[in-house]
Structure formats: structure tokens, C-alpha cells
Amino acid sequence: MKINFFIIMSALCITSLLQAQSAGITFKFGMGEQKADAILFKKDKQKINGIVKFPGFADKKVKIKVGEENGKYESKDIDSIQVFDENKKLSYTFVWTKTKVYKKKGTEFKIIDERWICKTINGKISLYISGEELGIKEVKEEDEKTKQKIKENKMQVVSKDVNHYMKRNKEDYPTLVSVSSNAFSAGYNVFFKEYGVYYFSDSPEIAKKIEDKEYKYDDIEKIVNLYNAKREKKAEQKTTKTKEVTKPASKTKTTKKK
């Protein structure tokens, strides 16, 4: 059984009209109309600082407020948008980019025209999400060390359909690896099981757990973090080994006879 990729383009339902204000970010849960301090990077190398409305994946223009002036820029003229939190720390990056979807497992790809996707994890494999509307919401996450539930603000797709993309540094475009829904998600693991196994073929342990359904589509952040941690550890070990091999031999002092 295969899930039609275009399910991610299906009609979206709005779930809430609750509005709130928190830490410099304007929340409008369910509508995706959030704004935050950001830097808009144009393809002509121009940088614009202001309050940016988070773009949905198909938005052709981006709204930004600079001082008291409201403006719009064509998405095709923008490279990326860096979103900052209340401490002026970089939180997320929206990227206007082409993406890839599998035509056949591990053999062919179809290139999809530019859309807005949001990088949520940066590493050896970077993770991106996209959807009709995105927003930062307070969610409960399990602390890996204490196993207790903690609250944190995270970028989420606040409309129905959720798309996850992955990209290694050497890859040209992010690849769609998982589709799911904030509403009814039965059957979505079929897509992830088929294409997730291939995407992580360079990590047999992870691929096997996806194939055996030990890892499912909703474990995607955990999987990416695990992969990146393993690769970083491997790189550190390689660097340490190289330093040991290239370490110059100590010189033996000799005393001249007088």
C-alpha cells in the first residue's frame, strides 16, 4: 500500500481562534498568523531586519514590518528568513527552496517547485517541516535524561497536513521523507516506513528499527538527533585518531662533548 504524495496538498481545517501574546512573538493558534523578530535575506545579498509574518509553504509574498512601515517581498527574491527568540537567539530558519520526492524507492526523484519550508534541526542531517500554516506553540516534550515531560515552545504546523523533509550537506535539495496530519494520522507510517528506510540506508541500525516499526513517523526528531549524534561522535574519533598519528615525535636532546 502506498500513500499518494498529493495527500499533503489536501484541504486543511482550522481548529482554533485563540490569540495570545508571548515573548515578542505574536501567537494566533490555529491560524498560523504568527510574527517574530527576523532577518530577511534577499538573493541580491540585501538584509532586512523587521517583524516577519511566518510564511506558509505556498505563499508567494512575505510580509515584513520595518519600524512603522509595512512591506511585502516576492518569495522568489528571498533566499531565507532567520527567526529570533526574545533573547535575540536564532530559533528557526525559513528557506525558499525546491524539494525532492521519491518516484521510486531509492532510484528516482521528482523535483517540486520552490516552497517555504522551515529548518527545525541543523546537523549532518537537517530536518525541515512545512504546512499551510506554521506557528510556535507550547508543547510537552520528554526529557531524554530524566524522562519527565517538560514544556517548551516549538515551531509546529498548526494546520492539518504536516510534511517532514531531510537534507544532508552534500545533497542538492531537501527530500520528503514523512507525511502526517494533526488530525487523522492512521496509515501515514506506511510512507515513512518505505522511504525512511532508504534515506537512512547509511545507518543500518536506524533503518532496521524503521523497517520493524520500532521507530515511526512521529519519532522523526528523535531519529535525526540520534543520527547526528552518532555522526558527530564518529567525526570526533576520526579527528582524535588523526591528531595522534600526525603528532611529531619528541626530540632527544644530545649533549656535545667538550
C-alpha atoms as a PDB file:
ATOM      1  CA  MET A   1       0.000   0.000   0.000  1.00  0.00           C
ATOM      2  CA  LYS A   2       1.347   3.399  -0.968  1.00  0.00           C
ATOM      3  CA  ILE A   3       0.106   6.798   0.108  1.00  0.00           C
ATOM      4  CA  ASN A   4      -0.358   9.321  -2.678  1.00  0.00           C
ATOM      5  CA  PHE A   5       2.104  12.165  -2.125  1.00  0.00           C
ATOM      6  CA  PHE A   6      -0.503  14.732  -3.013  1.00  0.00           C
ATOM      7  CA  ILE A   7      -2.350  13.964   0.215  1.00  0.00           C
ATOM      8  CA  ILE A   8      -0.201  16.732   1.673  1.00  0.00           C
ATOM      9  CA  MET A   9      -1.973  19.181  -0.591  1.00  0.00           C
ATOM     10  CA  SER A  10      -5.464  18.240   0.632  1.00  0.00           C
ATOM     11  CA  ALA A  11      -7.871  20.730   2.207  1.00  0.00           C
ATOM     12  CA  LEU A  12      -6.844  21.976   5.633  1.00  0.00           C
ATOM     13  CA  CYS A  13      -9.049  22.502   8.663  1.00  0.00           C
ATOM     14  CA  ILE A  14      -8.662  25.337  11.151  1.00  0.00           C
ATOM     15  CA  THR A  15      -9.008  24.212  14.728  1.00  0.00           C
ATOM     16  CA  SER A  16      -8.844  27.285  16.935  1.00  0.00           C
ATOM     17  CA  LEU A  17      -9.060  31.069  17.057  1.00  0.00           C
ATOM     18  CA  LEU A  18      -7.262  31.572  20.349  1.00  0.00           C
ATOM     19  CA  GLN A  19      -4.902  34.530  20.412  1.00  0.00           C
ATOM     20  CA  ALA A  20      -2.097  35.205  22.859  1.00  0.00           C
ATOM     21  CA  GLN A  21       0.983  37.351  23.258  1.00  0.00           C
ATOM     22  CA  SER A  22       4.315  35.973  24.494  1.00  0.00           C
ATOM     23  CA  ALA A  23       7.973  36.969  24.464  1.00  0.00           C
ATOM     24  CA  GLY A  24       7.958  39.182  21.396  1.00  0.00           C
ATOM     25  CA  ILE A  25       6.146  36.603  19.242  1.00  0.00           C
ATOM     26  CA  THR A  26       2.535  37.170  18.248  1.00  0.00           C
ATOM     27  CA  PHE A  27       0.578  33.935  18.678  1.00  0.00           C
ATOM     28  CA  LYS A  28      -2.634  33.174  16.854  1.00  0.00           C
ATOM     29  CA  PHE A  29      -3.086  29.456  17.362  1.00  0.00           C
ATOM     30  CA  GLY A  30      -4.860  27.619  14.595  1.00  0.00           C
ATOM     31  CA  MET A  31      -4.453  30.470  12.115  1.00  0.00           C
ATOM     32  CA  GLY A  32      -0.697  30.307  11.689  1.00  0.00           C
ATOM     33  CA  GLU A  33      -0.525  34.099  11.555  1.00  0.00           C
ATOM     34  CA  GLN A  34       2.438  34.498  13.863  1.00  0.00           C
ATOM     35  CA  LYS A  35       5.091  37.177  13.688  1.00  0.00           C
ATOM     36  CA  ALA A  36       8.562  37.472  15.163  1.00  0.00           C
ATOM     37  CA  ASP A  37      11.776  39.457  15.010  1.00  0.00           C
ATOM     38  CA  ALA A  38      13.635  38.228  11.957  1.00  0.00           C
ATOM     39  CA  ILE A  39      16.212  38.956   9.295  1.00  0.00           C
ATOM     40  CA  LEU A  40      15.099  38.576   5.711  1.00  0.00           C
ATOM     41  CA  PHE A  41      17.967  37.609   3.393  1.00  0.00           C
ATOM     42  CA  LYS A  42      17.359  38.526  -0.240  1.00  0.00           C
ATOM     43  CA  LYS A  43      19.086  36.805  -3.128  1.00  0.00           C
ATOM     44  CA  ASP A  44      20.723  40.114  -4.077  1.00  0.00           C
ATOM     45  CA  LYS A  45      22.585  39.957  -0.726  1.00  0.00           C
ATOM     46  CA  GLN A  46      20.387  42.638   0.871  1.00  0.00           C
ATOM     47  CA  LYS A  47      19.451  42.028   4.536  1.00  0.00           C
ATOM     48  CA  ILE A  48      16.272  43.472   6.034  1.00  0.00           C
ATOM     49  CA  ASN A  49      15.564  43.467   9.782  1.00  0.00           C
ATOM     50  CA  GLY A  50      11.961  43.627  10.961  1.00  0.00           C
ATOM     51  CA  ILE A  51       8.898  41.793  12.194  1.00  0.00           C
ATOM     52  CA  VAL A  52       8.103  38.996   9.728  1.00  0.00           C
ATOM     53  CA  LYS A  53       4.882  37.043   9.370  1.00  0.00           C
ATOM     54  CA  PHE A  54       5.680  33.324   9.160  1.00  0.00           C
ATOM     55  CA  PRO A  55       5.091  32.210   5.549  1.00  0.00           C
ATOM     56  CA  GLY A  56       3.004  29.172   4.634  1.00  0.00           C
ATOM     57  CA  PHE A  57       4.526  26.741   2.150  1.00  0.00           C
ATOM     58  CA  ALA A  58       2.763  28.207  -0.893  1.00  0.00           C
ATOM     59  CA  ASP A  59       2.969  31.925  -0.034  1.00  0.00           C
ATOM     60  CA  LYS A  60       4.242  33.939  -2.993  1.00  0.00           C
ATOM     61  CA  LYS A  61       4.953  37.015  -0.878  1.00  0.00           C
ATOM     62  CA  VAL A  62       6.365  37.640   2.591  1.00  0.00           C
ATOM     63  CA  LYS A  63       5.094  40.398   4.854  1.00  0.00           C
ATOM     64  CA  ILE A  64       7.578  42.364   6.971  1.00  0.00           C
ATOM     65  CA  LYS A  65       7.210  45.413   9.194  1.00  0.00           C
ATOM     66  CA  VAL A  66      10.254  47.656   9.453  1.00  0.00           C
ATOM     67  CA  GLY A  67       9.682  50.335  12.064  1.00  0.00           C
ATOM     68  CA  GLU A  68       6.215  51.705  11.286  1.00  0.00           C
ATOM     69  CA  GLU A  69       6.337  50.708   7.634  1.00  0.00           C
ATOM     70  CA  ASN A  70       4.639  47.559   6.313  1.00  0.00           C
ATOM     71  CA  GLY A  71       6.133  45.904   3.268  1.00  0.00           C
ATOM     72  CA  LYS A  72       5.929  42.830   1.064  1.00  0.00           C
ATOM     73  CA  TYR A  73       8.612  40.993  -0.858  1.00  0.00           C
ATOM     74  CA  GLU A  74       8.305  38.373  -3.556  1.00  0.00           C
ATOM     75  CA  SER A  75       9.234  34.942  -2.213  1.00  0.00           C
ATOM     76  CA  LYS A  76      11.236  34.189  -5.363  1.00  0.00           C
ATOM     77  CA  ASP A  77      13.541  37.101  -4.477  1.00  0.00           C
ATOM     78  CA  ILE A  78      14.255  35.780  -0.970  1.00  0.00           C
ATOM     79  CA  ASP A  79      16.875  33.200  -0.007  1.00  0.00           C
ATOM     80  CA  SER A  80      15.938  32.664   3.649  1.00  0.00           C
ATOM     81  CA  ILE A  81      14.412  34.186   6.781  1.00  0.00           C
ATOM     82  CA  GLN A  82      16.075  33.828  10.176  1.00  0.00           C
ATOM     83  CA  VAL A  83      13.649  33.982  13.118  1.00  0.00           C
ATOM     84  CA  PHE A  84      14.911  35.062  16.562  1.00  0.00           C
ATOM     85  CA  ASP A  85      13.506  34.498  20.038  1.00  0.00           C
ATOM     86  CA  GLU A  86      13.098  37.042  22.861  1.00  0.00           C
ATOM     87  CA  ASN A  87      16.797  36.651  23.750  1.00  0.00           C
ATOM     88  CA  LYS A  88      17.833  37.525  20.189  1.00  0.00           C
ATOM     89  CA  LYS A  89      18.921  33.930  19.672  1.00  0.00           C
ATOM     90  CA  LEU A  90      18.394  32.300  16.277  1.00  0.00           C
ATOM     91  CA  SER A  91      15.483  29.901  16.611  1.00  0.00           C
ATOM     92  CA  TYR A  92      14.416  28.796  13.138  1.00  0.00           C
ATOM     93  CA  THR A  93      15.208  29.422   9.508  1.00  0.00           C
ATOM     94  CA  PHE A  94      12.614  29.546   6.735  1.00  0.00           C
ATOM     95  CA  VAL A  95      14.053  28.588   3.343  1.00  0.00           C
ATOM     96  CA  TRP A  96      12.554  29.175  -0.107  1.00  0.00           C
ATOM     97  CA  THR A  97      13.722  26.085  -1.955  1.00  0.00           C
ATOM     98  CA  LYS A  98      12.919  23.315  -4.355  1.00  0.00           C
ATOM     99  CA  THR A  99      12.310  19.928  -2.767  1.00  0.00           C
ATOM    100  CA  LYS A 100      12.516  16.306  -3.859  1.00  0.00           C
ATOM    101  CA  VAL A 101      10.006  13.456  -3.584  1.00  0.00           C
ATOM    102  CA  TYR A 102      10.642   9.822  -4.361  1.00  0.00           C
ATOM    103  CA  LYS A 103       9.230   8.427  -7.601  1.00  0.00           C
ATOM    104  CA  LYS A 104      10.677   5.005  -6.882  1.00  0.00           C
ATOM    105  CA  LYS A 105      12.302   3.973  -3.639  1.00  0.00           C
ATOM    106  CA  GLY A 106      15.965   4.795  -3.804  1.00  0.00           C
ATOM    107  CA  THR A 107      16.110   5.223  -7.571  1.00  0.00           C
ATOM    108  CA  GLU A 108      14.344   8.299  -8.913  1.00  0.00           C
ATOM    109  CA  PHE A 109      13.196  11.678  -7.644  1.00  0.00           C
ATOM    110  CA  LYS A 110      10.710  14.264  -8.769  1.00  0.00           C
ATOM    111  CA  ILE A 111      11.713  17.911  -8.250  1.00  0.00           C
ATOM    112  CA  ILE A 112       8.971  20.113  -6.783  1.00  0.00           C
ATOM    113  CA  ASP A 113       8.962  23.869  -7.424  1.00  0.00           C
ATOM    114  CA  GLU A 114      10.082  26.281  -4.699  1.00  0.00           C
ATOM    115  CA  ARG A 115       8.085  26.364  -1.496  1.00  0.00           C
ATOM    116  CA  TRP A 116       8.672  27.700   2.021  1.00  0.00           C
ATOM    117  CA  ILE A 117       9.933  25.085   4.464  1.00  0.00           C
ATOM    118  CA  CYS A 118      11.279  25.675   7.971  1.00  0.00           C
ATOM    119  CA  LYS A 119      14.521  24.208   9.324  1.00  0.00           C
ATOM    120  CA  THR A 120      13.944  22.917  12.851  1.00  0.00           C
ATOM    121  CA  ILE A 121      17.112  20.845  13.378  1.00  0.00           C
ATOM    122  CA  ASN A 122      20.553  21.665  11.951  1.00  0.00           C
ATOM    123  CA  GLY A 123      23.190  18.955  11.667  1.00  0.00           C
ATOM    124  CA  LYS A 124      24.709  16.254   9.482  1.00  0.00           C
ATOM    125  CA  ILE A 125      21.089  15.727   8.525  1.00  0.00           C
ATOM    126  CA  SER A 126      18.948  18.848   8.800  1.00  0.00           C
ATOM    127  CA  LEU A 127      15.237  18.458   9.437  1.00  0.00           C
ATOM    128  CA  TYR A 128      12.589  20.715   7.898  1.00  0.00           C
ATOM    129  CA  ILE A 129       8.837  20.980   8.295  1.00  0.00           C
ATOM    130  CA  SER A 130       6.213  22.557   6.075  1.00  0.00           C
ATOM    131  CA  GLY A 131       2.481  23.052   6.001  1.00  0.00           C
ATOM    132  CA  GLU A 132      -0.165  25.538   5.007  1.00  0.00           C
ATOM    133  CA  GLU A 133       0.351  27.442   8.277  1.00  0.00           C
ATOM    134  CA  LEU A 134       3.138  27.304  10.852  1.00  0.00           C
ATOM    135  CA  GLY A 135       3.387  28.734  14.335  1.00  0.00           C
ATOM    136  CA  ILE A 136       5.340  28.461  17.578  1.00  0.00           C
ATOM    137  CA  LYS A 137       3.314  26.571  20.155  1.00  0.00           C
ATOM    138  CA  GLU A 138       3.918  25.386  23.681  1.00  0.00           C
ATOM    139  CA  VAL A 139       4.267  21.609  23.647  1.00  0.00           C
ATOM    140  CA  LYS A 140       5.221  18.928  26.152  1.00  0.00           C
ATOM    141  CA  GLU A 141       8.392  17.014  25.360  1.00  0.00           C
ATOM    142  CA  GLU A 142      10.043  14.150  27.221  1.00  0.00           C
ATOM    143  CA  ASP A 143      13.461  14.996  28.611  1.00  0.00           C
ATOM    144  CA  GLU A 144      15.866  12.319  27.335  1.00  0.00           C
ATOM    145  CA  LYS A 145      17.791  12.212  30.625  1.00  0.00           C
ATOM    146  CA  THR A 146      15.051  12.499  33.245  1.00  0.00           C
ATOM    147  CA  LYS A 147      12.238  11.050  31.076  1.00  0.00           C
ATOM    148  CA  GLN A 148       9.963  13.702  32.537  1.00  0.00           C
ATOM    149  CA  LYS A 149       7.608  15.843  30.490  1.00  0.00           C
ATOM    150  CA  ILE A 150       8.788  19.428  30.099  1.00  0.00           C
ATOM    151  CA  LYS A 151       7.149  22.391  28.363  1.00  0.00           C
ATOM    152  CA  GLU A 152       8.889  24.222  25.583  1.00  0.00           C
ATOM    153  CA  ASN A 153       7.998  26.449  22.650  1.00  0.00           C
ATOM    154  CA  LYS A 154       8.463  24.775  19.276  1.00  0.00           C
ATOM    155  CA  MET A 155       7.722  25.550  15.665  1.00  0.00           C
ATOM    156  CA  GLN A 156       4.741  23.466  14.619  1.00  0.00           C
ATOM    157  CA  VAL A 157       2.470  23.054  11.638  1.00  0.00           C
ATOM    158  CA  VAL A 158      -0.726  24.433  13.159  1.00  0.00           C
ATOM    159  CA  SER A 159      -2.934  23.449  10.246  1.00  0.00           C
ATOM    160  CA  LYS A 160      -3.836  19.903   9.225  1.00  0.00           C
ATOM    161  CA  ASP A 161      -1.150  18.400   6.992  1.00  0.00           C
ATOM    162  CA  VAL A 162       2.466  18.048   8.151  1.00  0.00           C
ATOM    163  CA  ASN A 163       5.423  17.379   5.846  1.00  0.00           C
ATOM    164  CA  HIS A 164       8.926  16.452   7.018  1.00  0.00           C
ATOM    165  CA  TYR A 165      11.976  16.879   4.801  1.00  0.00           C
ATOM    166  CA  MET A 166      15.608  15.921   5.357  1.00  0.00           C
ATOM    167  CA  LYS A 167      18.825  17.122   3.780  1.00  0.00           C
ATOM    168  CA  ARG A 168      22.476  16.232   4.148  1.00  0.00           C
ATOM    169  CA  ASN A 169      25.029  18.940   3.405  1.00  0.00           C
ATOM    170  CA  LYS A 170      26.096  17.240   0.170  1.00  0.00           C
ATOM    171  CA  GLU A 171      22.520  16.933  -1.136  1.00  0.00           C
ATOM    172  CA  ASP A 172      21.066  19.492  -3.527  1.00  0.00           C
ATOM    173  CA  TYR A 173      17.521  19.770  -2.142  1.00  0.00           C
ATOM    174  CA  PRO A 174      15.627  18.561   0.955  1.00  0.00           C
ATOM    175  CA  THR A 175      13.821  15.245   0.408  1.00  0.00           C
ATOM    176  CA  LEU A 176      10.296  14.489   1.600  1.00  0.00           C
ATOM    177  CA  VAL A 177      10.597  11.529   3.974  1.00  0.00           C
ATOM    178  CA  SER A 178       7.421  11.702   6.059  1.00  0.00           C
ATOM    179  CA  VAL A 179       3.863  12.988   5.728  1.00  0.00           C
ATOM    180  CA  SER A 180       1.321  13.056   8.531  1.00  0.00           C
ATOM    181  CA  SER A 181      -1.601  15.019   9.898  1.00  0.00           C
ATOM    182  CA  ASN A 182      -2.505  16.898  13.050  1.00  0.00           C
ATOM    183  CA  ALA A 183      -5.961  15.376  12.663  1.00  0.00           C
ATOM    184  CA  PHE A 184      -6.419  11.781  11.494  1.00  0.00           C
ATOM    185  CA  SER A 185      -2.993  10.125  11.034  1.00  0.00           C
ATOM    186  CA  ALA A 186      -3.852   6.439  10.561  1.00  0.00           C
ATOM    187  CA  GLY A 187      -1.806   4.868   7.762  1.00  0.00           C
ATOM    188  CA  TYR A 188       0.798   7.618   7.485  1.00  0.00           C
ATOM    189  CA  ASN A 189       3.579   5.399   8.811  1.00  0.00           C
ATOM    190  CA  VAL A 190       3.461   3.440   5.543  1.00  0.00           C
ATOM    191  CA  PHE A 191       5.058   6.391   3.715  1.00  0.00           C
ATOM    192  CA  PHE A 192       7.764   6.856   6.349  1.00  0.00           C
ATOM    193  CA  LYS A 193       8.500   3.132   6.608  1.00  0.00           C
ATOM    194  CA  GLU A 194       9.071   2.851   2.870  1.00  0.00           C
ATOM    195  CA  TYR A 195      11.149   5.962   2.287  1.00  0.00           C
ATOM    196  CA  GLY A 196      12.660   6.400   5.746  1.00  0.00           C
ATOM    197  CA  VAL A 197      14.363   3.009   5.479  1.00  0.00           C
ATOM    198  CA  TYR A 198      16.041   4.070   2.256  1.00  0.00           C
ATOM    199  CA  TYR A 199      17.002   7.576   3.396  1.00  0.00           C
ATOM    200  CA  PHE A 200      18.771   6.128   6.447  1.00  0.00           C
ATOM    201  CA  SER A 201      20.378   3.286   4.490  1.00  0.00           C
ATOM    202  CA  ASP A 202      23.795   4.574   5.621  1.00  0.00           C
ATOM    203  CA  SER A 203      22.752   3.783   9.212  1.00  0.00           C
ATOM    204  CA  PRO A 204      21.669   0.098   9.258  1.00  0.00           C
ATOM    205  CA  GLU A 205      20.660   0.253  12.925  1.00  0.00           C
ATOM    206  CA  ILE A 206      18.225   3.125  12.359  1.00  0.00           C
ATOM    207  CA  ALA A 207      16.950   1.687   9.054  1.00  0.00           C
ATOM    208  CA  LYS A 208      16.210  -1.663  10.693  1.00  0.00           C
ATOM    209  CA  LYS A 209      14.238  -0.043  13.515  1.00  0.00           C
ATOM    210  CA  ILE A 210      12.174   1.933  10.997  1.00  0.00           C
ATOM    211  CA  GLU A 211      11.515  -1.226   8.999  1.00  0.00           C
ATOM    212  CA  ASP A 212      10.471  -3.089  12.143  1.00  0.00           C
ATOM    213  CA  LYS A 213       8.212  -0.157  13.133  1.00  0.00           C
ATOM    214  CA  GLU A 214      10.190   0.393  16.326  1.00  0.00           C
ATOM    215  CA  TYR A 215      10.704   3.915  15.009  1.00  0.00           C
ATOM    216  CA  LYS A 216       7.633   5.573  13.479  1.00  0.00           C
ATOM    217  CA  TYR A 217       6.952   8.845  11.720  1.00  0.00           C
ATOM    218  CA  ASP A 218       6.291  10.675  14.988  1.00  0.00           C
ATOM    219  CA  ASP A 219       9.804   9.708  16.203  1.00  0.00           C
ATOM    220  CA  ILE A 220      11.368  11.697  13.391  1.00  0.00           C
ATOM    221  CA  GLU A 221      13.083  14.320  15.584  1.00  0.00           C
ATOM    222  CA  LYS A 222      14.473  11.609  17.866  1.00  0.00           C
ATOM    223  CA  ILE A 223      15.824   9.720  14.844  1.00  0.00           C
ATOM    224  CA  VAL A 224      17.510  12.788  13.326  1.00  0.00           C
ATOM    225  CA  ASN A 225      19.093  13.742  16.662  1.00  0.00           C
ATOM    226  CA  LEU A 226      20.356  10.169  17.129  1.00  0.00           C
ATOM    227  CA  TYR A 227      21.825  10.071  13.619  1.00  0.00           C
ATOM    228  CA  ASN A 228      23.564  13.435  14.079  1.00  0.00           C
ATOM    229  CA  ALA A 229      24.959  12.442  17.491  1.00  0.00           C
ATOM    230  CA  LYS A 230      26.422   9.237  16.047  1.00  0.00           C
ATOM    231  CA  ARG A 231      27.979  11.072  13.105  1.00  0.00           C
ATOM    232  CA  GLU A 232      29.440  13.797  15.336  1.00  0.00           C
ATOM    233  CA  LYS A 233      30.941  11.196  17.669  1.00  0.00           C
ATOM    234  CA  LYS A 234      32.427   9.340  14.709  1.00  0.00           C
ATOM    235  CA  ALA A 235      33.915  12.577  13.351  1.00  0.00           C
ATOM    236  CA  GLU A 236      35.439  13.409  16.743  1.00  0.00           C
ATOM    237  CA  GLN A 237      37.005   9.948  16.993  1.00  0.00           C
ATOM    238  CA  LYS A 238      38.447  10.306  13.492  1.00  0.00           C
ATOM    239  CA  THR A 239      39.877  13.731  14.330  1.00  0.00           C
ATOM    240  CA  THR A 240      41.438  12.441  17.558  1.00  0.00           C
ATOM    241  CA  LYS A 241      42.961   9.468  15.748  1.00  0.00           C
ATOM    242  CA  THR A 242      44.396  11.716  13.027  1.00  0.00           C
ATOM    243  CA  LYS A 243      45.986  14.006  15.625  1.00  0.00           C
ATOM    244  CA  GLU A 244      47.603  11.032  17.345  1.00  0.00           C
ATOM    245  CA  VAL A 245      49.060   9.746  14.079  1.00  0.00           C
ATOM    246  CA  THR A 246      50.417  13.127  12.986  1.00  0.00           C
ATOM    247  CA  LYS A 247      51.798  14.104  16.400  1.00  0.00           C
ATOM    248  CA  PRO A 248      55.522  14.857  15.910  1.00  0.00           C
ATOM    249  CA  ALA A 249      57.945  12.609  17.707  1.00  0.00           C
ATOM    250  CA  SER A 250      59.659  14.171  20.689  1.00  0.00           C
ATOM    251  CA  LYS A 251      63.221  15.268  20.073  1.00  0.00           C
ATOM    252  CA  THR A 252      66.001  13.726  22.155  1.00  0.00           C
ATOM    253  CA  LYS A 253      68.479  16.241  23.414  1.00  0.00           C
ATOM    254  CA  THR A 254      72.107  15.346  22.938  1.00  0.00           C
ATOM    255  CA  THR A 255      74.980  16.805  24.894  1.00  0.00           C
ATOM    256  CA  LYS A 256      78.023  17.764  22.896  1.00  0.00           C
ATOM    257  CA  LYS A 257      81.296  16.547  24.191  1.00  0.00           C
ATOM    258  CA  LYS A 258      83.693  19.313  25.061  1.00  0.00           C
END
